Amino acid sequence: METNERIASLQADNAKLQVQVAQLQTHVAQLQAEKLKLKEENLKLKEKNLKLQQRIADLEAPKNLHPFDLKQNLFANRD
C-alpha cells in the first residue's frame, strides 16, 4: 500500500508540475509576441527617424553649398 500511495503522490506532483510548465509556456509565448510587437514598432520608428534625418539633410543642403555652387545651380535651373 505504501508504494501505491507514493506513486499517487508522485503522480499528483507531476500533474502540478505539468500545469506549471503549461503556464510558463503560455507566459513565454506572450513575452515572445510582445517582443515581436516591440521589434516591429522599433523598425517603424527607425524608418521614421531615417526619413526625418533625410528631411533635415535636404533642408540643410542648400546652406552647405559654396556660393559658386549656388550660382551654378541657378544657371542650371534656367534650362
Foldseek 3Di string as FASTA:
>chain_A
DVVVVVVVVVVVVVVVVVVVVVVVVVVVVVVVVVVVVVVVVVVVVVVVVVVVVVVVCVVCVVVPDDVVVVVVVVVVVVD
